[in-house]
């Protein structure tokens, strides 16, 4: 006669413990992938805003003074441009005093892209 309070141990018993651990790891991996995607999108948008700020300062200078600034230092001094020089390098190439400068934002520590 078998004790009705005695449970039979099945071969699937170890899976009862491994399955929640596996699901937790999978969900954690999905979460980390999502956070990585969000941070890269935010960095791209930050570079685009910096690009727009440099161009806006140059256009404002042209509208008020009749020429585009020769360098970024002029924009920083007279038009309040500020940026994190440890995160970005700005390529500011002047073609002429009456032509829009070519501006490229290069993120440091990442693969650079033109903006």
C-alpha atoms as a PDB file:
ATOM      1  CA  UNK A   1       0.000   0.000   0.000  1.00  0.00           C
ATOM      2  CA  UNK A   2       1.263   3.418  -0.990  1.00  0.00           C
ATOM      3  CA  UNK A   3       1.221   6.442   1.282  1.00  0.00           C
ATOM      4  CA  UNK A   4      -1.098   8.963  -0.305  1.00  0.00           C
ATOM      5  CA  UNK A   5       0.848  11.870   1.198  1.00  0.00           C
ATOM      6  CA  UNK A   6       4.080  10.741  -0.370  1.00  0.00           C
ATOM      7  CA  UNK A   7       4.877  12.589  -3.626  1.00  0.00           C
ATOM      8  CA  UNK A   8       6.480  10.838  -6.526  1.00  0.00           C
ATOM      9  CA  UNK A   9       9.567  12.639  -7.703  1.00  0.00           C
ATOM     10  CA  UNK A  10       9.504  12.989 -11.441  1.00  0.00           C
ATOM     11  CA  UNK A  11      12.365  13.402 -13.821  1.00  0.00           C
ATOM     12  CA  UNK A  12      11.194  16.946 -14.574  1.00  0.00           C
ATOM     13  CA  UNK A  13      11.866  18.141 -11.034  1.00  0.00           C
ATOM     14  CA  UNK A  14      15.184  19.911 -11.903  1.00  0.00           C
ATOM     15  CA  UNK A  15      13.437  21.819 -14.686  1.00  0.00           C
ATOM     16  CA  UNK A  16      11.090  23.397 -12.172  1.00  0.00           C
ATOM     17  CA  UNK A  17      14.060  25.310 -10.790  1.00  0.00           C
ATOM     18  CA  UNK A  18      15.941  25.953 -14.023  1.00  0.00           C
ATOM     19  CA  UNK A  19      12.999  27.296 -16.020  1.00  0.00           C
ATOM     20  CA  UNK A  20      12.407  30.425 -13.832  1.00  0.00           C
ATOM     21  CA  UNK A  21      16.139  31.150 -13.831  1.00  0.00           C
ATOM     22  CA  UNK A  22      16.274  30.826 -17.610  1.00  0.00           C
ATOM     23  CA  UNK A  23      13.222  33.100 -18.034  1.00  0.00           C
ATOM     24  CA  UNK A  24      14.721  35.692 -15.678  1.00  0.00           C
ATOM     25  CA  UNK A  25      17.994  35.734 -17.640  1.00  0.00           C
ATOM     26  CA  UNK A  26      16.109  36.053 -20.915  1.00  0.00           C
ATOM     27  CA  UNK A  27      14.036  38.989 -19.641  1.00  0.00           C
ATOM     28  CA  UNK A  28      17.177  40.662 -18.271  1.00  0.00           C
ATOM     29  CA  UNK A  29      18.890  40.306 -21.648  1.00  0.00           C
ATOM     30  CA  UNK A  30      15.895  41.849 -23.432  1.00  0.00           C
ATOM     31  CA  UNK A  31      15.857  44.738 -20.948  1.00  0.00           C
ATOM     32  CA  UNK A  32      19.571  45.446 -21.401  1.00  0.00           C
ATOM     33  CA  UNK A  33      19.206  45.377 -25.194  1.00  0.00           C
ATOM     34  CA  UNK A  34      16.376  47.903 -24.966  1.00  0.00           C
ATOM     35  CA  UNK A  35      18.387  50.221 -22.721  1.00  0.00           C
ATOM     36  CA  UNK A  36      21.329  50.068 -25.104  1.00  0.00           C
ATOM     37  CA  UNK A  37      19.084  50.995 -28.008  1.00  0.00           C
ATOM     38  CA  UNK A  38      17.607  53.929 -26.097  1.00  0.00           C
ATOM     39  CA  UNK A  39      21.010  55.304 -25.095  1.00  0.00           C
ATOM     40  CA  UNK A  40      22.372  55.126 -28.650  1.00  0.00           C
ATOM     41  CA  UNK A  41      19.283  56.931 -29.957  1.00  0.00           C
ATOM     42  CA  UNK A  42      19.702  59.627 -27.297  1.00  0.00           C
ATOM     43  CA  UNK A  43      23.370  60.116 -28.245  1.00  0.00           C
ATOM     44  CA  UNK A  44      22.439  60.514 -31.923  1.00  0.00           C
ATOM     45  CA  UNK A  45      19.803  63.099 -31.059  1.00  0.00           C
ATOM     46  CA  UNK A  46      22.234  64.987 -28.835  1.00  0.00           C
ATOM     47  CA  UNK A  47      24.726  65.195 -31.723  1.00  0.00           C
ATOM     48  CA  UNK A  48      21.960  66.410 -34.053  1.00  0.00           C
ATOM     49  CA  UNK A  49      20.964  69.139 -31.559  1.00  0.00           C
ATOM     50  CA  UNK A  50      24.592  70.261 -31.287  1.00  0.00           C
ATOM     51  CA  UNK A  51      24.820  70.416 -35.087  1.00  0.00           C
ATOM     52  CA  UNK A  52      21.657  72.538 -35.212  1.00  0.00           C
ATOM     53  CA  UNK A  53      22.946  74.832 -32.436  1.00  0.00           C
ATOM     54  CA  UNK A  54      26.207  75.506 -34.292  1.00  0.00           C
ATOM     55  CA  UNK A  55      24.369  76.285 -37.524  1.00  0.00           C
ATOM     56  CA  UNK A  56      21.830  78.455 -35.727  1.00  0.00           C
ATOM     57  CA  UNK A  57      24.628  80.460 -34.093  1.00  0.00           C
ATOM     58  CA  UNK A  58      26.380  80.897 -37.440  1.00  0.00           C
ATOM     59  CA  UNK A  59      23.164  82.046 -39.140  1.00  0.00           C
ATOM     60  CA  UNK A  60      22.409  84.442 -36.286  1.00  0.00           C
ATOM     61  CA  UNK A  61      25.902  85.896 -36.605  1.00  0.00           C
ATOM     62  CA  UNK A  62      25.419  86.318 -40.362  1.00  0.00           C
ATOM     63  CA  UNK A  63      22.046  88.004 -39.849  1.00  0.00           C
ATOM     64  CA  UNK A  64      23.358  90.429 -37.225  1.00  0.00           C
ATOM     65  CA  UNK A  65      26.913  91.100 -38.407  1.00  0.00           C
ATOM     66  CA  UNK A  66      26.851  90.300 -42.136  1.00  0.00           C
ATOM     67  CA  UNK A  67      29.383  87.436 -42.094  1.00  0.00           C
ATOM     68  CA  UNK A  68      29.682  83.867 -40.901  1.00  0.00           C
ATOM     69  CA  UNK A  69      32.117  83.399 -37.999  1.00  0.00           C
ATOM     70  CA  UNK A  70      35.596  82.201 -38.918  1.00  0.00           C
ATOM     71  CA  UNK A  71      35.792  79.684 -36.071  1.00  0.00           C
ATOM     72  CA  UNK A  72      33.876  78.081 -33.231  1.00  0.00           C
ATOM     73  CA  UNK A  73      35.622  80.248 -30.678  1.00  0.00           C
ATOM     74  CA  UNK A  74      33.785  83.289 -32.052  1.00  0.00           C
ATOM     75  CA  UNK A  75      30.448  81.496 -31.610  1.00  0.00           C
ATOM     76  CA  UNK A  76      31.387  80.452 -28.080  1.00  0.00           C
ATOM     77  CA  UNK A  77      32.456  83.966 -27.093  1.00  0.00           C
ATOM     78  CA  UNK A  78      29.779  86.091 -28.760  1.00  0.00           C
ATOM     79  CA  UNK A  79      26.778  83.777 -29.190  1.00  0.00           C
ATOM     80  CA  UNK A  80      26.886  81.524 -26.131  1.00  0.00           C
ATOM     81  CA  UNK A  81      27.645  78.231 -27.879  1.00  0.00           C
ATOM     82  CA  UNK A  82      28.746  75.594 -25.386  1.00  0.00           C
ATOM     83  CA  UNK A  83      29.298  71.865 -25.746  1.00  0.00           C
ATOM     84  CA  UNK A  84      31.093  68.992 -24.054  1.00  0.00           C
ATOM     85  CA  UNK A  85      34.479  68.854 -25.794  1.00  0.00           C
ATOM     86  CA  UNK A  86      35.174  65.491 -24.145  1.00  0.00           C
ATOM     87  CA  UNK A  87      32.169  63.957 -25.913  1.00  0.00           C
ATOM     88  CA  UNK A  88      32.280  65.684 -29.309  1.00  0.00           C
ATOM     89  CA  UNK A  89      34.673  67.165 -31.816  1.00  0.00           C
ATOM     90  CA  UNK A  90      33.182  69.785 -34.115  1.00  0.00           C
ATOM     91  CA  UNK A  91      34.601  70.180 -37.592  1.00  0.00           C
ATOM     92  CA  UNK A  92      33.789  73.767 -38.605  1.00  0.00           C
ATOM     93  CA  UNK A  93      35.050  74.584 -42.097  1.00  0.00           C
ATOM     94  CA  UNK A  94      34.586  78.100 -43.400  1.00  0.00           C
ATOM     95  CA  UNK A  95      34.249  78.384 -47.161  1.00  0.00           C
ATOM     96  CA  UNK A  96      33.857  82.146 -47.299  1.00  0.00           C
ATOM     97  CA  UNK A  97      32.537  84.960 -45.146  1.00  0.00           C
ATOM     98  CA  UNK A  98      29.261  84.964 -47.079  1.00  0.00           C
ATOM     99  CA  UNK A  99      28.841  81.179 -47.515  1.00  0.00           C
ATOM    100  CA  UNK A 100      27.374  78.788 -44.933  1.00  0.00           C
ATOM    101  CA  UNK A 101      30.162  76.883 -43.148  1.00  0.00           C
ATOM    102  CA  UNK A 102      30.356  73.100 -43.331  1.00  0.00           C
ATOM    103  CA  UNK A 103      29.693  71.632 -39.871  1.00  0.00           C
ATOM    104  CA  UNK A 104      30.325  68.006 -38.887  1.00  0.00           C
ATOM    105  CA  UNK A 105      29.826  66.616 -35.386  1.00  0.00           C
ATOM    106  CA  UNK A 106      32.110  63.708 -34.478  1.00  0.00           C
ATOM    107  CA  UNK A 107      31.252  61.762 -31.299  1.00  0.00           C
ATOM    108  CA  UNK A 108      34.326  60.692 -29.323  1.00  0.00           C
ATOM    109  CA  UNK A 109      34.592  57.131 -28.075  1.00  0.00           C
ATOM    110  CA  UNK A 110      32.037  55.922 -30.597  1.00  0.00           C
ATOM    111  CA  UNK A 111      31.893  55.345 -34.302  1.00  0.00           C
ATOM    112  CA  UNK A 112      31.719  58.805 -35.815  1.00  0.00           C
ATOM    113  CA  UNK A 113      28.890  59.837 -38.091  1.00  0.00           C
ATOM    114  CA  UNK A 114      28.222  63.007 -40.020  1.00  0.00           C
ATOM    115  CA  UNK A 115      25.407  65.189 -38.847  1.00  0.00           C
END
